Amino acid sequence: MRQRGLQVLIALDQVFNTIMGNGFADETLSARAFRNSTKTNTWNNARKVIDAIFFFQKNHCEIAHKREVDRAQLPPEYRELAEKRELI
């Protein structure tokens, strides 16, 4: 049940990110804030605010971005397929 709740929160985060415009549908706001933090002060400030909200995880936005790049958010079956495709 806890895992389902976490998945729902992540899905809502992704929807909010997409509604804001120019966000990727499968990207969390935290990952987007880190990705864009070097481009504008607005995103750099957003990253700082999000990192402060998630104070219990140091560098939350950077970790979220790394998880996106590593495809860690994908279900195990999709991760396996993605890894196999990279080997080809």
C-alpha atoms as a PDB file:
ATOM      1  CA  MET A   1       0.000   0.000   0.000  1.00  0.00           C
ATOM      2  CA  ARG A   2       2.856   2.403   0.793  1.00  0.00           C
ATOM      3  CA  GLN A   3       4.408   1.755  -2.635  1.00  0.00           C
ATOM      4  CA  ARG A   4       1.089   2.540  -4.329  1.00  0.00           C
ATOM      5  CA  GLY A   5       0.808   5.810  -2.422  1.00  0.00           C
ATOM      6  CA  LEU A   6       4.314   6.785  -3.489  1.00  0.00           C
ATOM      7  CA  GLN A   7       3.483   5.944  -7.111  1.00  0.00           C
ATOM      8  CA  VAL A   8       0.355   8.126  -6.941  1.00  0.00           C
ATOM      9  CA  LEU A   9       2.367  11.064  -5.543  1.00  0.00           C
ATOM     10  CA  ILE A  10       4.982  10.681  -8.294  1.00  0.00           C
ATOM     11  CA  ALA A  11       2.233  10.537 -10.939  1.00  0.00           C
ATOM     12  CA  LEU A  12       0.658  13.732  -9.574  1.00  0.00           C
ATOM     13  CA  ASP A  13       4.096  15.371  -9.588  1.00  0.00           C
ATOM     14  CA  GLN A  14       4.566  14.392 -13.248  1.00  0.00           C
ATOM     15  CA  VAL A  15       1.113  15.693 -14.180  1.00  0.00           C
ATOM     16  CA  PHE A  16       1.827  19.010 -12.452  1.00  0.00           C
ATOM     17  CA  ASN A  17       5.183  19.238 -14.236  1.00  0.00           C
ATOM     18  CA  THR A  18       3.490  18.647 -17.598  1.00  0.00           C
ATOM     19  CA  ILE A  19       0.660  21.124 -16.930  1.00  0.00           C
ATOM     20  CA  MET A  20       3.232  23.828 -16.149  1.00  0.00           C
ATOM     21  CA  GLY A  21       4.310  23.638 -19.792  1.00  0.00           C
ATOM     22  CA  ASN A  22       7.435  22.504 -21.611  1.00  0.00           C
ATOM     23  CA  GLY A  23       7.936  19.616 -19.204  1.00  0.00           C
ATOM     24  CA  PHE A  24       8.319  15.980 -20.184  1.00  0.00           C
ATOM     25  CA  ALA A  25       5.291  13.866 -19.230  1.00  0.00           C
ATOM     26  CA  ASP A  26       7.430  11.235 -17.496  1.00  0.00           C
ATOM     27  CA  GLU A  27       9.662  13.680 -15.612  1.00  0.00           C
ATOM     28  CA  THR A  28       9.179  14.864 -12.051  1.00  0.00           C
ATOM     29  CA  LEU A  29       9.329  18.530 -11.199  1.00  0.00           C
ATOM     30  CA  SER A  30      12.427  17.836  -9.076  1.00  0.00           C
ATOM     31  CA  ALA A  31      14.315  16.308 -12.014  1.00  0.00           C
ATOM     32  CA  ARG A  32      13.232  19.169 -14.276  1.00  0.00           C
ATOM     33  CA  ALA A  33      14.345  21.763 -11.732  1.00  0.00           C
ATOM     34  CA  PHE A  34      17.809  20.204 -11.574  1.00  0.00           C
ATOM     35  CA  ARG A  35      18.032  19.815 -15.375  1.00  0.00           C
ATOM     36  CA  ASN A  36      17.190  23.490 -15.892  1.00  0.00           C
ATOM     37  CA  SER A  37      18.912  24.931 -12.805  1.00  0.00           C
ATOM     38  CA  THR A  38      21.946  26.085 -14.784  1.00  0.00           C
ATOM     39  CA  LYS A  39      19.779  27.714 -17.479  1.00  0.00           C
ATOM     40  CA  THR A  40      17.727  30.233 -15.494  1.00  0.00           C
ATOM     41  CA  ASN A  41      17.610  31.748 -12.033  1.00  0.00           C
ATOM     42  CA  THR A  42      13.953  30.749 -11.770  1.00  0.00           C
ATOM     43  CA  TRP A  43      14.764  27.044 -12.084  1.00  0.00           C
ATOM     44  CA  ASN A  44      17.813  27.394  -9.862  1.00  0.00           C
ATOM     45  CA  ASN A  45      15.597  28.958  -7.184  1.00  0.00           C
ATOM     46  CA  ALA A  46      12.959  26.251  -7.726  1.00  0.00           C
ATOM     47  CA  ARG A  47      15.656  23.608  -7.202  1.00  0.00           C
ATOM     48  CA  LYS A  48      16.695  25.261  -3.941  1.00  0.00           C
ATOM     49  CA  VAL A  49      13.099  25.404  -2.699  1.00  0.00           C
ATOM     50  CA  ILE A  50      12.398  21.779  -3.639  1.00  0.00           C
ATOM     51  CA  ASP A  51      15.649  20.633  -2.036  1.00  0.00           C
ATOM     52  CA  ALA A  52      14.638  22.531   1.135  1.00  0.00           C
ATOM     53  CA  ILE A  53      11.216  20.846   1.150  1.00  0.00           C
ATOM     54  CA  PHE A  54      12.900  17.457   0.858  1.00  0.00           C
ATOM     55  CA  PHE A  55      15.510  18.370   3.501  1.00  0.00           C
ATOM     56  CA  PHE A  56      15.693  14.729   4.641  1.00  0.00           C
ATOM     57  CA  GLN A  57      17.338  13.773   1.309  1.00  0.00           C
ATOM     58  CA  LYS A  58      20.435  15.809   0.544  1.00  0.00           C
ATOM     59  CA  ASN A  59      20.501  17.001  -3.096  1.00  0.00           C
ATOM     60  CA  HIS A  60      16.987  15.675  -3.781  1.00  0.00           C
ATOM     61  CA  CYS A  61      16.677  17.295  -7.219  1.00  0.00           C
ATOM     62  CA  GLU A  62      20.043  16.002  -8.386  1.00  0.00           C
ATOM     63  CA  ILE A  63      19.145  12.491  -7.229  1.00  0.00           C
ATOM     64  CA  ALA A  64      15.766  12.724  -9.010  1.00  0.00           C
ATOM     65  CA  HIS A  65      17.518  13.791 -12.216  1.00  0.00           C
ATOM     66  CA  LYS A  66      20.059  10.974 -11.963  1.00  0.00           C
ATOM     67  CA  ARG A  67      17.218   8.468 -11.484  1.00  0.00           C
ATOM     68  CA  GLU A  68      15.591   9.788 -14.666  1.00  0.00           C
ATOM     69  CA  VAL A  69      18.841   9.511 -16.625  1.00  0.00           C
ATOM     70  CA  ASP A  70      19.468   6.003 -15.270  1.00  0.00           C
ATOM     71  CA  ARG A  71      15.836   5.063 -16.051  1.00  0.00           C
ATOM     72  CA  ALA A  72      15.464   3.919 -12.446  1.00  0.00           C
ATOM     73  CA  GLN A  73      11.837   5.051 -12.403  1.00  0.00           C
ATOM     74  CA  LEU A  74      10.867   2.480 -15.040  1.00  0.00           C
ATOM     75  CA  PRO A  75       9.190  -0.778 -14.006  1.00  0.00           C
ATOM     76  CA  PRO A  76      11.714  -3.647 -13.851  1.00  0.00           C
ATOM     77  CA  GLU A  77      10.419  -5.189 -17.080  1.00  0.00           C
ATOM     78  CA  TYR A  78      10.997  -1.970 -19.017  1.00  0.00           C
ATOM     79  CA  ARG A  79      14.421  -1.431 -17.476  1.00  0.00           C
ATOM     80  CA  GLU A  80      15.468  -4.894 -18.637  1.00  0.00           C
ATOM     81  CA  LEU A  81      14.243  -4.144 -22.162  1.00  0.00           C
ATOM     82  CA  ALA A  82      16.001  -0.781 -22.203  1.00  0.00           C
ATOM     83  CA  GLU A  83      19.274  -2.385 -21.070  1.00  0.00           C
ATOM     84  CA  LYS A  84      19.012  -5.059 -23.782  1.00  0.00           C
ATOM     85  CA  ARG A  85      18.379  -2.404 -26.447  1.00  0.00           C
ATOM     86  CA  GLU A  86      21.509  -0.516 -25.372  1.00  0.00           C
ATOM     87  CA  LEU A  87      23.593  -3.647 -25.849  1.00  0.00           C
ATOM     88  CA  ILE A  88      22.536  -3.968 -29.480  1.00  0.00           C
END
